[in-house]
Amino acid sequence: MITRRTAVAAGMLPFVLPHLGSAAVEARTEMGEKVIINIKTWMDGHKPPDRVLTSML
């Protein structure tokens, strides 16, 4: 009989690892740059390129 523990150990069950990619330095740098661009764009009186649309919520 295969238990959950043995299935996990054998690699038979998938794992969900959220935000693993966001821990990379490159990803964090890119996210920070997007924030700066969005703030500067908004302060110049334009709509930020990465804004959240309420119609999408």
PDB file of N, CA and C in Angstrom:
ATOM      1  N   MET A   1       0.840  -1.185   0.000  1.00  0.00           N
ATOM      2  CA  MET A   1       0.000   0.000   0.000  1.00  0.00           C
ATOM      3  C   MET A   1       0.883   1.246   0.000  1.00  0.00           C
ATOM      4  N   ILE A   2       0.540   2.181  -0.866  1.00  0.00           N
ATOM      5  CA  ILE A   2       1.304   3.424  -0.950  1.00  0.00           C
ATOM      6  C   ILE A   2       0.621   4.474  -0.086  1.00  0.00           C
ATOM      7  N   THR A   3       1.376   5.004   0.846  1.00  0.00           N
ATOM      8  CA  THR A   3       0.852   6.082   1.688  1.00  0.00           C
ATOM      9  C   THR A   3       1.231   7.418   1.066  1.00  0.00           C
ATOM     10  N   ARG A   4       0.662   8.459   1.581  1.00  0.00           N
ATOM     11  CA  ARG A   4       0.982   9.800   1.083  1.00  0.00           C
ATOM     12  C   ARG A   4       2.464  10.104   1.245  1.00  0.00           C
ATOM     13  N   ARG A   5       3.018   9.705   2.386  1.00  0.00           N
ATOM     14  CA  ARG A   5       4.436   9.970   2.653  1.00  0.00           C
ATOM     15  C   ARG A   5       5.336   9.250   1.642  1.00  0.00           C
ATOM     16  N   THR A   6       5.058   7.992   1.371  1.00  0.00           N
ATOM     17  CA  THR A   6       5.902   7.261   0.415  1.00  0.00           C
ATOM     18  C   THR A   6       5.690   7.776  -0.998  1.00  0.00           C
ATOM     19  N   ALA A   7       4.477   8.218  -1.312  1.00  0.00           N
ATOM     20  CA  ALA A   7       4.213   8.779  -2.641  1.00  0.00           C
ATOM     21  C   ALA A   7       4.986  10.076  -2.831  1.00  0.00           C
ATOM     22  N   VAL A   8       5.007  10.909  -1.807  1.00  0.00           N
ATOM     23  CA  VAL A   8       5.767  12.162  -1.882  1.00  0.00           C
ATOM     24  C   VAL A   8       7.255  11.872  -2.012  1.00  0.00           C
ATOM     25  N   ALA A   9       7.743  10.941  -1.212  1.00  0.00           N
ATOM     26  CA  ALA A   9       9.169  10.589  -1.249  1.00  0.00           C
ATOM     27  C   ALA A   9       9.564  10.027  -2.613  1.00  0.00           C
ATOM     28  N   ALA A  10       8.648   9.325  -3.262  1.00  0.00           N
ATOM     29  CA  ALA A  10       8.938   8.736  -4.570  1.00  0.00           C
ATOM     30  C   ALA A  10       8.711   9.718  -5.711  1.00  0.00           C
ATOM     31  N   GLY A  11       8.263  10.925  -5.374  1.00  0.00           N
ATOM     32  CA  GLY A  11       8.027  11.928  -6.406  1.00  0.00           C
ATOM     33  C   GLY A  11       6.745  11.696  -7.178  1.00  0.00           C
ATOM     34  N   MET A  12       5.792  11.014  -6.574  1.00  0.00           N
ATOM     35  CA  MET A  12       4.552  10.680  -7.271  1.00  0.00           C
ATOM     36  C   MET A  12       3.475  11.747  -7.118  1.00  0.00           C
ATOM     37  N   LEU A  13       3.640  12.676  -6.207  1.00  0.00           N
ATOM     38  CA  LEU A  13       2.649  13.733  -6.001  1.00  0.00           C
ATOM     39  C   LEU A  13       3.250  15.067  -6.393  1.00  0.00           C
ATOM     40  N   PRO A  14       2.476  15.900  -7.079  1.00  0.00           N
ATOM     41  CA  PRO A  14       3.009  17.216  -7.465  1.00  0.00           C
ATOM     42  C   PRO A  14       3.069  18.160  -6.267  1.00  0.00           C
ATOM     43  N   PHE A  15       3.966  19.083  -6.338  1.00  0.00           N
ATOM     44  CA  PHE A  15       4.094  20.109  -5.311  1.00  0.00           C
ATOM     45  C   PHE A  15       3.759  21.454  -5.928  1.00  0.00           C
ATOM     46  N   VAL A  16       3.134  22.301  -5.164  1.00  0.00           N
ATOM     47  CA  VAL A  16       2.874  23.667  -5.594  1.00  0.00           C
ATOM     48  C   VAL A  16       3.777  24.571  -4.770  1.00  0.00           C
ATOM     49  N   LEU A  17       4.634  25.293  -5.452  1.00  0.00           N
ATOM     50  CA  LEU A  17       5.580  26.164  -4.771  1.00  0.00           C
ATOM     51  C   LEU A  17       5.356  27.608  -5.229  1.00  0.00           C
ATOM     52  N   PRO A  18       4.426  28.302  -4.600  1.00  0.00           N
ATOM     53  CA  PRO A  18       4.137  29.667  -5.042  1.00  0.00           C
ATOM     54  C   PRO A  18       5.280  30.630  -4.758  1.00  0.00           C
ATOM     55  N   HIS A  19       5.476  31.551  -5.657  1.00  0.00           N
ATOM     56  CA  HIS A  19       6.430  32.649  -5.507  1.00  0.00           C
ATOM     57  C   HIS A  19       7.888  32.198  -5.450  1.00  0.00           C
ATOM     58  N   LEU A  20       8.177  31.012  -5.908  1.00  0.00           N
ATOM     59  CA  LEU A  20       9.562  30.554  -5.901  1.00  0.00           C
ATOM     60  C   LEU A  20      10.420  31.425  -6.826  1.00  0.00           C
ATOM     61  N   GLY A  21       9.871  31.760  -7.982  1.00  0.00           N
ATOM     62  CA  GLY A  21      10.612  32.589  -8.933  1.00  0.00           C
ATOM     63  C   GLY A  21      10.825  34.012  -8.469  1.00  0.00           C
ATOM     64  N   SER A  22       9.959  34.488  -7.578  1.00  0.00           N
ATOM     65  CA  SER A  22      10.094  35.881  -7.142  1.00  0.00           C
ATOM     66  C   SER A  22      11.231  36.063  -6.144  1.00  0.00           C
ATOM     67  N   ALA A  23      11.841  34.977  -5.710  1.00  0.00           N
ATOM     68  CA  ALA A  23      12.953  35.089  -4.776  1.00  0.00           C
ATOM     69  C   ALA A  23      14.274  35.379  -5.492  1.00  0.00           C
ATOM     70  N   ALA A  24      14.290  35.229  -6.811  1.00  0.00           N
ATOM     71  CA  ALA A  24      15.515  35.471  -7.581  1.00  0.00           C
ATOM     72  C   ALA A  24      15.826  36.969  -7.604  1.00  0.00           C
ATOM     73  N   VAL A  25      17.085  37.290  -7.528  1.00  0.00           N
ATOM     74  CA  VAL A  25      17.516  38.694  -7.534  1.00  0.00           C
ATOM     75  C   VAL A  25      17.027  39.394  -8.796  1.00  0.00           C
ATOM     76  N   GLU A  26      17.110  38.716  -9.931  1.00  0.00           N
ATOM     77  CA  GLU A  26      16.687  39.305 -11.194  1.00  0.00           C
ATOM     78  C   GLU A  26      15.199  39.646 -11.171  1.00  0.00           C
ATOM     79  N   ALA A  27      14.393  38.756 -10.617  1.00  0.00           N
ATOM     80  CA  ALA A  27      12.949  38.989 -10.557  1.00  0.00           C
ATOM     81  C   ALA A  27      12.625  40.149  -9.622  1.00  0.00           C
ATOM     82  N   ARG A  28      13.291  40.187  -8.481  1.00  0.00           N
ATOM     83  CA  ARG A  28      13.053  41.287  -7.537  1.00  0.00           C
ATOM     84  C   ARG A  28      13.464  42.628  -8.143  1.00  0.00           C
ATOM     85  N   THR A  29      14.576  42.636  -8.845  1.00  0.00           N
ATOM     86  CA  THR A  29      15.046  43.861  -9.489  1.00  0.00           C
ATOM     87  C   THR A  29      14.050  44.329 -10.541  1.00  0.00           C
ATOM     88  N   GLU A  30      13.572  43.395 -11.352  1.00  0.00           N
ATOM     89  CA  GLU A  30      12.594  43.717 -12.398  1.00  0.00           C
ATOM     90  C   GLU A  30      11.294  44.260 -11.800  1.00  0.00           C
ATOM     91  N   MET A  31      10.824  43.643 -10.707  1.00  0.00           N
ATOM     92  CA  MET A  31       9.601  44.117 -10.047  1.00  0.00           C
ATOM     93  C   MET A  31       9.789  45.527  -9.495  1.00  0.00           C
ATOM     94  N   GLY A  32      10.950  45.789  -8.911  1.00  0.00           N
ATOM     95  CA  GLY A  32      11.239  47.116  -8.385  1.00  0.00           C
ATOM     96  C   GLY A  32      11.273  48.163  -9.477  1.00  0.00           C
ATOM     97  N   GLU A  33      11.858  47.814 -10.614  1.00  0.00           N
ATOM     98  CA  GLU A  33      11.909  48.747 -11.740  1.00  0.00           C
ATOM     99  C   GLU A  33      10.511  49.036 -12.278  1.00  0.00           C
ATOM    100  N   LYS A  34       9.642  48.017 -12.299  1.00  0.00           N
ATOM    101  CA  LYS A  34       8.261  48.221 -12.744  1.00  0.00           C
ATOM    102  C   LYS A  34       7.527  49.186 -11.818  1.00  0.00           C
ATOM    103  N   VAL A  35       7.766  49.063 -10.527  1.00  0.00           N
ATOM    104  CA  VAL A  35       7.132  49.964  -9.560  1.00  0.00           C
ATOM    105  C   VAL A  35       7.567  51.401  -9.823  1.00  0.00           C
ATOM    106  N   ILE A  36       8.860  51.601 -10.021  1.00  0.00           N
ATOM    107  CA  ILE A  36       9.384  52.945 -10.269  1.00  0.00           C
ATOM    108  C   ILE A  36       8.792  53.533 -11.544  1.00  0.00           C
ATOM    109  N   ILE A  37       8.730  52.733 -12.604  1.00  0.00           N
ATOM    110  CA  ILE A  37       8.150  53.206 -13.873  1.00  0.00           C
ATOM    111  C   ILE A  37       6.687  53.579 -13.685  1.00  0.00           C
ATOM    112  N   ASN A  38       5.939  52.735 -12.966  1.00  0.00           N
ATOM    113  CA  ASN A  38       4.519  53.020 -12.739  1.00  0.00           C
ATOM    114  C   ASN A  38       4.316  54.302 -11.940  1.00  0.00           C
ATOM    115  N   ILE A  39       5.117  54.506 -10.916  1.00  0.00           N
ATOM    116  CA  ILE A  39       4.989  55.721 -10.097  1.00  0.00           C
ATOM    117  C   ILE A  39       5.348  56.964 -10.910  1.00  0.00           C
ATOM    118  N   LYS A  40       6.454  56.908 -11.639  1.00  0.00           N
ATOM    119  CA  LYS A  40       6.860  58.062 -12.457  1.00  0.00           C
ATOM    120  C   LYS A  40       5.802  58.379 -13.516  1.00  0.00           C
ATOM    121  N   THR A  41       5.258  57.343 -14.144  1.00  0.00           N
ATOM    122  CA  THR A  41       4.230  57.543 -15.172  1.00  0.00           C
ATOM    123  C   THR A  41       2.998  58.200 -14.571  1.00  0.00           C
ATOM    124  N   TRP A  42       2.565  57.720 -13.396  1.00  0.00           N
ATOM    125  CA  TRP A  42       1.395  58.279 -12.716  1.00  0.00           C
ATOM    126  C   TRP A  42       1.645  59.732 -12.299  1.00  0.00           C
ATOM    127  N   MET A  43       2.849  59.998 -11.787  1.00  0.00           N
ATOM    128  CA  MET A  43       3.170  61.357 -11.339  1.00  0.00           C
ATOM    129  C   MET A  43       3.229  62.337 -12.518  1.00  0.00           C
ATOM    130  N   ASP A  44       3.520  61.819 -13.722  1.00  0.00           N
ATOM    131  CA  ASP A  44       3.531  62.665 -14.917  1.00  0.00           C
ATOM    132  C   ASP A  44       2.123  62.869 -15.483  1.00  0.00           C
ATOM    133  N   GLY A  45       1.119  62.292 -14.819  1.00  0.00           N
ATOM    134  CA  GLY A  45      -0.264  62.485 -15.246  1.00  0.00           C
ATOM    135  C   GLY A  45      -0.776  61.468 -16.244  1.00  0.00           C
ATOM    136  N   HIS A  46      -0.052  60.368 -16.430  1.00  0.00           N
ATOM    137  CA  HIS A  46      -0.462  59.337 -17.382  1.00  0.00           C
ATOM    138  C   HIS A  46      -0.933  58.086 -16.631  1.00  0.00           C
ATOM    139  N   LYS A  47      -1.569  57.188 -17.355  1.00  0.00           N
ATOM    140  CA  LYS A  47      -2.004  55.923 -16.755  1.00  0.00           C
ATOM    141  C   LYS A  47      -0.821  54.963 -16.724  1.00  0.00           C
ATOM    142  N   PRO A  48      -0.523  54.393 -15.561  1.00  0.00           N
ATOM    143  CA  PRO A  48       0.595  53.442 -15.459  1.00  0.00           C
ATOM    144  C   PRO A  48       0.365  52.209 -16.332  1.00  0.00           C
ATOM    145  N   PRO A  49       1.408  51.659 -16.931  1.00  0.00           N
ATOM    146  CA  PRO A  49       1.256  50.501 -17.815  1.00  0.00           C
ATOM    147  C   PRO A  49       0.834  49.225 -17.081  1.00  0.00           C
ATOM    148  N   ASP A  50       1.152  49.094 -15.815  1.00  0.00           N
ATOM    149  CA  ASP A  50       0.850  47.862 -15.081  1.00  0.00           C
ATOM    150  C   ASP A  50      -0.199  48.084 -13.994  1.00  0.00           C
ATOM    151  N   ARG A  51      -1.201  48.893 -14.304  1.00  0.00           N
ATOM    152  CA  ARG A  51      -2.228  49.168 -13.298  1.00  0.00           C
ATOM    153  C   ARG A  51      -3.214  48.000 -13.180  1.00  0.00           C
ATOM    154  N   VAL A  52      -3.851  47.917 -12.038  1.00  0.00           N
ATOM    155  CA  VAL A  52      -4.881  46.903 -11.807  1.00  0.00           C
ATOM    156  C   VAL A  52      -6.218  47.494 -12.253  1.00  0.00           C
ATOM    157  N   LEU A  53      -6.895  46.802 -13.134  1.00  0.00           N
ATOM    158  CA  LEU A  53      -8.183  47.262 -13.622  1.00  0.00           C
ATOM    159  C   LEU A  53      -9.282  46.651 -12.757  1.00  0.00           C
ATOM    160  N   THR A  54     -10.172  47.498 -12.243  1.00  0.00           N
ATOM    161  CA  THR A  54     -11.244  46.972 -11.383  1.00  0.00           C
ATOM    162  C   THR A  54     -12.160  46.023 -12.145  1.00  0.00           C
ATOM    163  N   SER A  55     -12.244  46.173 -13.456  1.00  0.00           N
ATOM    164  CA  SER A  55     -13.078  45.264 -14.247  1.00  0.00           C
ATOM    165  C   SER A  55     -12.515  43.850 -14.282  1.00  0.00           C
ATOM    166  N   MET A  56     -11.247  43.708 -13.947  1.00  0.00           N
ATOM    167  CA  MET A  56     -10.604  42.386 -13.950  1.00  0.00           C
ATOM    168  C   MET A  56     -10.721  41.680 -12.608  1.00  0.00           C
ATOM    169  N   LEU A  57     -11.211  42.396 -11.582  1.00  0.00           N
ATOM    170  CA  LEU A  57     -11.316  41.797 -10.241  1.00  0.00           C
ATOM    171  C   LEU A  57     -12.543  40.961 -10.107  1.00  0.00           C
TER     172      LEU A  57
END
